[in-house]
Amino acid sequence: VFDAKSGSKGEAVALPAVFTAPIRNDVVSFVHTNISKNKRQAYAVAFEAGHQTSAESWGTGRAVSRIPRVAGGGTHRSGQ
């Protein structure tokens, strides 16, 4: 045990029994693998891939399906 001001106090503290258990390599490997997954970075073609279009649904009442349609006319994406 150490004192914050003077250093060592000289008293020994018994460790809990859990520290005498053997280390299991399968548990260490499992924990290491899953903790390292927290540091992964997302990757894709673009951050907002699929959200760049001005597509919005026309809503109900127009006798067409409610699929999002790109605004504008005369392009290859119009009316989708």
N, C-alpha and C. Protein backbone atom coordinates (compact mmCIF):
# COMPACT_ATOMS: atom_id res chain seq x y z
N VAL A 1 0.85 -1.17 0.00
CA VAL A 1 0.00 0.00 0.00
C VAL A 1 0.90 1.23 0.00
N PHE A 2 0.52 2.23 -0.77
CA PHE A 2 1.31 3.45 -0.87
C PHE A 2 0.51 4.63 -0.34
N ASP A 3 1.22 5.54 0.29
CA ASP A 3 0.64 6.76 0.78
C ASP A 3 0.89 7.85 -0.26
N ALA A 4 -0.05 8.76 -0.46
CA ALA A 4 0.09 9.79 -1.48
C ALA A 4 1.20 10.78 -1.14
N LYS A 5 1.49 10.97 0.13
CA LYS A 5 2.48 11.97 0.52
C LYS A 5 3.87 11.38 0.72
N SER A 6 3.96 10.33 1.51
CA SER A 6 5.29 9.84 1.89
C SER A 6 5.73 8.61 1.11
N GLY A 7 4.88 8.00 0.32
CA GLY A 7 5.29 6.82 -0.45
C GLY A 7 4.80 5.54 0.22
N SER A 8 5.70 4.60 0.45
CA SER A 8 5.34 3.29 0.96
C SER A 8 4.94 3.36 2.42
N LYS A 9 3.88 2.61 2.77
CA LYS A 9 3.46 2.50 4.16
C LYS A 9 3.92 1.18 4.76
N GLY A 10 4.24 0.21 3.94
CA GLY A 10 4.76 -1.05 4.43
C GLY A 10 3.71 -2.10 4.73
N GLU A 11 2.45 -1.79 4.63
CA GLU A 11 1.41 -2.77 4.92
C GLU A 11 1.06 -3.52 3.63
N ALA A 12 0.91 -4.83 3.73
CA ALA A 12 0.55 -5.65 2.58
C ALA A 12 -0.95 -5.94 2.62
N VAL A 13 -1.56 -5.98 1.44
CA VAL A 13 -2.98 -6.28 1.32
C VAL A 13 -3.11 -7.57 0.54
N ALA A 14 -3.91 -8.48 1.05
CA ALA A 14 -4.12 -9.77 0.38
C ALA A 14 -4.94 -9.55 -0.89
N LEU A 15 -4.51 -10.19 -1.97
CA LEU A 15 -5.25 -10.09 -3.23
C LEU A 15 -6.47 -10.99 -3.20
N PRO A 16 -7.55 -10.61 -3.87
CA PRO A 16 -8.71 -11.49 -3.97
C PRO A 16 -8.37 -12.76 -4.72
N ALA A 17 -9.15 -13.80 -4.48
CA ALA A 17 -8.88 -15.11 -5.08
C ALA A 17 -9.02 -15.09 -6.60
N VAL A 18 -9.75 -14.11 -7.14
CA VAL A 18 -9.96 -14.08 -8.58
C VAL A 18 -8.64 -13.85 -9.33
N PHE A 19 -7.66 -13.21 -8.67
CA PHE A 19 -6.38 -12.95 -9.33
C PHE A 19 -5.49 -14.18 -9.39
N THR A 20 -5.86 -15.25 -8.69
CA THR A 20 -5.07 -16.49 -8.75
C THR A 20 -5.58 -17.44 -9.81
N ALA A 21 -6.70 -17.11 -10.44
CA ALA A 21 -7.26 -17.97 -11.49
C ALA A 21 -6.36 -17.93 -12.72
N PRO A 22 -6.26 -19.05 -13.45
CA PRO A 22 -5.44 -19.05 -14.66
C PRO A 22 -6.05 -18.18 -15.76
N ILE A 23 -5.21 -17.63 -16.61
CA ILE A 23 -5.67 -16.80 -17.73
C ILE A 23 -6.06 -17.71 -18.88
N ARG A 24 -7.29 -17.54 -19.36
CA ARG A 24 -7.78 -18.35 -20.47
C ARG A 24 -7.51 -17.61 -21.78
N ASN A 25 -6.74 -18.24 -22.64
CA ASN A 25 -6.37 -17.61 -23.91
C ASN A 25 -7.57 -17.40 -24.82
N ASP A 26 -8.57 -18.29 -24.75
CA ASP A 26 -9.74 -18.12 -25.61
C ASP A 26 -10.55 -16.89 -25.19
N VAL A 27 -10.63 -16.63 -23.88
CA VAL A 27 -11.36 -15.46 -23.41
C VAL A 27 -10.60 -14.19 -23.76
N VAL A 28 -9.27 -14.22 -23.60
CA VAL A 28 -8.45 -13.04 -23.93
C VAL A 28 -8.58 -12.73 -25.41
N SER A 29 -8.54 -13.74 -26.26
CA SER A 29 -8.66 -13.53 -27.70
C SER A 29 -10.03 -12.99 -28.07
N PHE A 30 -11.08 -13.53 -27.45
CA PHE A 30 -12.44 -13.08 -27.73
C PHE A 30 -12.62 -11.61 -27.34
N VAL A 31 -12.15 -11.25 -26.14
CA VAL A 31 -12.31 -9.88 -25.67
C VAL A 31 -11.50 -8.93 -26.53
N HIS A 32 -10.28 -9.32 -26.87
CA HIS A 32 -9.43 -8.44 -27.69
C HIS A 32 -10.06 -8.21 -29.06
N THR A 33 -10.59 -9.25 -29.66
CA THR A 33 -11.22 -9.13 -30.98
C THR A 33 -12.41 -8.19 -30.93
N ASN A 34 -13.24 -8.33 -29.91
CA ASN A 34 -14.46 -7.52 -29.86
C ASN A 34 -14.19 -6.09 -29.42
N ILE A 35 -13.19 -5.86 -28.59
CA ILE A 35 -12.85 -4.49 -28.22
C ILE A 35 -12.23 -3.76 -29.40
N SER A 36 -11.43 -4.47 -30.21
CA SER A 36 -10.80 -3.82 -31.36
C SER A 36 -11.82 -3.43 -32.43
N LYS A 37 -13.00 -4.02 -32.40
CA LYS A 37 -14.04 -3.65 -33.37
C LYS A 37 -14.57 -2.25 -33.12
N ASN A 38 -14.38 -1.71 -31.91
CA ASN A 38 -14.86 -0.36 -31.61
C ASN A 38 -14.05 0.70 -32.34
N LYS A 39 -12.87 0.38 -32.82
CA LYS A 39 -12.00 1.37 -33.46
C LYS A 39 -12.13 1.38 -34.98
N ARG A 40 -13.04 0.55 -35.50
CA ARG A 40 -13.20 0.52 -36.95
C ARG A 40 -13.81 1.81 -37.46
N GLN A 41 -13.44 2.19 -38.66
CA GLN A 41 -14.01 3.37 -39.29
C GLN A 41 -14.92 2.94 -40.43
N ALA A 42 -16.02 3.64 -40.54
CA ALA A 42 -16.96 3.34 -41.60
C ALA A 42 -16.37 3.74 -42.95
N TYR A 43 -16.70 3.00 -43.97
CA TYR A 43 -16.25 3.35 -45.31
C TYR A 43 -17.36 3.05 -46.30
N ALA A 44 -17.42 3.84 -47.32
CA ALA A 44 -18.42 3.66 -48.38
C ALA A 44 -17.96 4.46 -49.58
N VAL A 45 -18.73 4.41 -50.64
CA VAL A 45 -18.42 5.21 -51.82
C VAL A 45 -18.45 6.68 -51.45
N ALA A 46 -19.46 7.08 -50.69
CA ALA A 46 -19.58 8.45 -50.20
C ALA A 46 -20.35 8.40 -48.89
N PHE A 47 -20.19 9.41 -48.05
CA PHE A 47 -20.85 9.43 -46.75
C PHE A 47 -22.36 9.39 -46.89
N GLU A 48 -22.89 10.15 -47.82
CA GLU A 48 -24.34 10.19 -48.02
C GLU A 48 -24.75 9.47 -49.30
N ALA A 49 -24.16 8.33 -49.55
CA ALA A 49 -24.47 7.59 -50.77
C ALA A 49 -25.95 7.24 -50.80
N GLY A 50 -26.61 7.55 -51.88
CA GLY A 50 -28.03 7.28 -52.03
C GLY A 50 -28.93 8.42 -51.58
N HIS A 51 -28.35 9.46 -51.00
CA HIS A 51 -29.16 10.57 -50.51
C HIS A 51 -28.90 11.86 -51.29
N GLN A 52 -28.21 11.79 -52.42
CA GLN A 52 -27.85 13.01 -53.15
C GLN A 52 -28.97 13.48 -54.08
N THR A 53 -29.95 12.65 -54.33
CA THR A 53 -30.97 13.03 -55.30
C THR A 53 -32.04 13.89 -54.64
N SER A 54 -32.80 14.56 -55.45
CA SER A 54 -33.90 15.39 -54.96
C SER A 54 -35.21 14.61 -54.99
N ALA A 55 -35.10 13.28 -54.88
CA ALA A 55 -36.29 12.44 -55.01
C ALA A 55 -37.20 12.60 -53.81
N GLU A 56 -38.48 12.86 -54.09
CA GLU A 56 -39.51 12.90 -53.06
C GLU A 56 -40.76 12.24 -53.61
N SER A 57 -41.53 11.71 -52.69
CA SER A 57 -42.77 11.09 -53.10
C SER A 57 -43.80 12.16 -53.47
N TRP A 58 -44.65 11.83 -54.44
CA TRP A 58 -45.72 12.75 -54.80
C TRP A 58 -46.86 12.67 -53.80
N GLY A 59 -46.80 11.71 -52.90
CA GLY A 59 -47.87 11.56 -51.92
C GLY A 59 -49.04 10.80 -52.51
N THR A 60 -50.17 10.91 -51.85
CA THR A 60 -51.37 10.21 -52.31
C THR A 60 -52.25 11.17 -53.10
N GLY A 61 -53.21 10.62 -53.81
CA GLY A 61 -54.19 11.44 -54.51
C GLY A 61 -53.84 11.72 -55.95
N ARG A 62 -52.78 11.10 -56.49
CA ARG A 62 -52.43 11.34 -57.90
C ARG A 62 -52.53 10.07 -58.73
N ALA A 63 -53.06 9.01 -58.15
CA ALA A 63 -53.28 7.73 -58.83
C ALA A 63 -51.97 7.13 -59.34
N VAL A 64 -50.89 7.35 -58.61
CA VAL A 64 -49.61 6.71 -58.93
C VAL A 64 -49.04 6.14 -57.63
N SER A 65 -48.09 5.27 -57.76
CA SER A 65 -47.47 4.69 -56.57
C SER A 65 -46.69 5.75 -55.81
N ARG A 66 -46.46 5.51 -54.54
CA ARG A 66 -45.82 6.50 -53.68
C ARG A 66 -44.30 6.38 -53.67
N ILE A 67 -43.72 5.86 -54.73
CA ILE A 67 -42.27 5.74 -54.82
C ILE A 67 -41.66 7.14 -55.01
N PRO A 68 -40.50 7.41 -54.42
CA PRO A 68 -39.89 8.74 -54.62
C PRO A 68 -39.54 8.98 -56.08
N ARG A 69 -39.82 10.19 -56.55
CA ARG A 69 -39.56 10.55 -57.94
C ARG A 69 -38.66 11.78 -57.99
N VAL A 70 -37.68 11.74 -58.88
CA VAL A 70 -36.73 12.84 -59.00
C VAL A 70 -37.39 14.01 -59.70
N ALA A 71 -37.21 15.20 -59.18
CA ALA A 71 -37.81 16.40 -59.78
C ALA A 71 -37.14 16.72 -61.11
N GLY A 72 -37.84 17.48 -61.91
CA GLY A 72 -37.30 17.87 -63.21
C GLY A 72 -37.84 16.97 -64.32
N GLY A 73 -37.69 17.43 -65.52
CA GLY A 73 -38.19 16.65 -66.63
C GLY A 73 -37.17 16.57 -67.74
N GLY A 74 -37.29 15.55 -68.55
CA GLY A 74 -36.44 15.43 -69.72
C GLY A 74 -35.11 14.74 -69.47
N THR A 75 -34.85 14.33 -68.25
CA THR A 75 -33.59 13.62 -67.99
C THR A 75 -33.88 12.13 -67.89
N HIS A 76 -32.84 11.36 -67.86
CA HIS A 76 -33.02 9.93 -67.77
C HIS A 76 -33.51 9.50 -66.38
N ARG A 77 -33.45 10.43 -65.40
CA ARG A 77 -33.90 10.08 -64.06
C ARG A 77 -35.32 10.59 -63.77
N SER A 78 -35.91 11.32 -64.69
CA SER A 78 -37.21 11.92 -64.40
C SER A 78 -38.30 10.85 -64.38
N GLY A 79 -39.24 11.04 -63.46
CA GLY A 79 -40.37 10.15 -63.39
C GLY A 79 -40.09 8.84 -62.73
N GLN A 80 -38.95 8.68 -62.11
CA GLN A 80 -38.68 7.39 -61.46
C GLN A 80 -39.48 7.27 -60.19
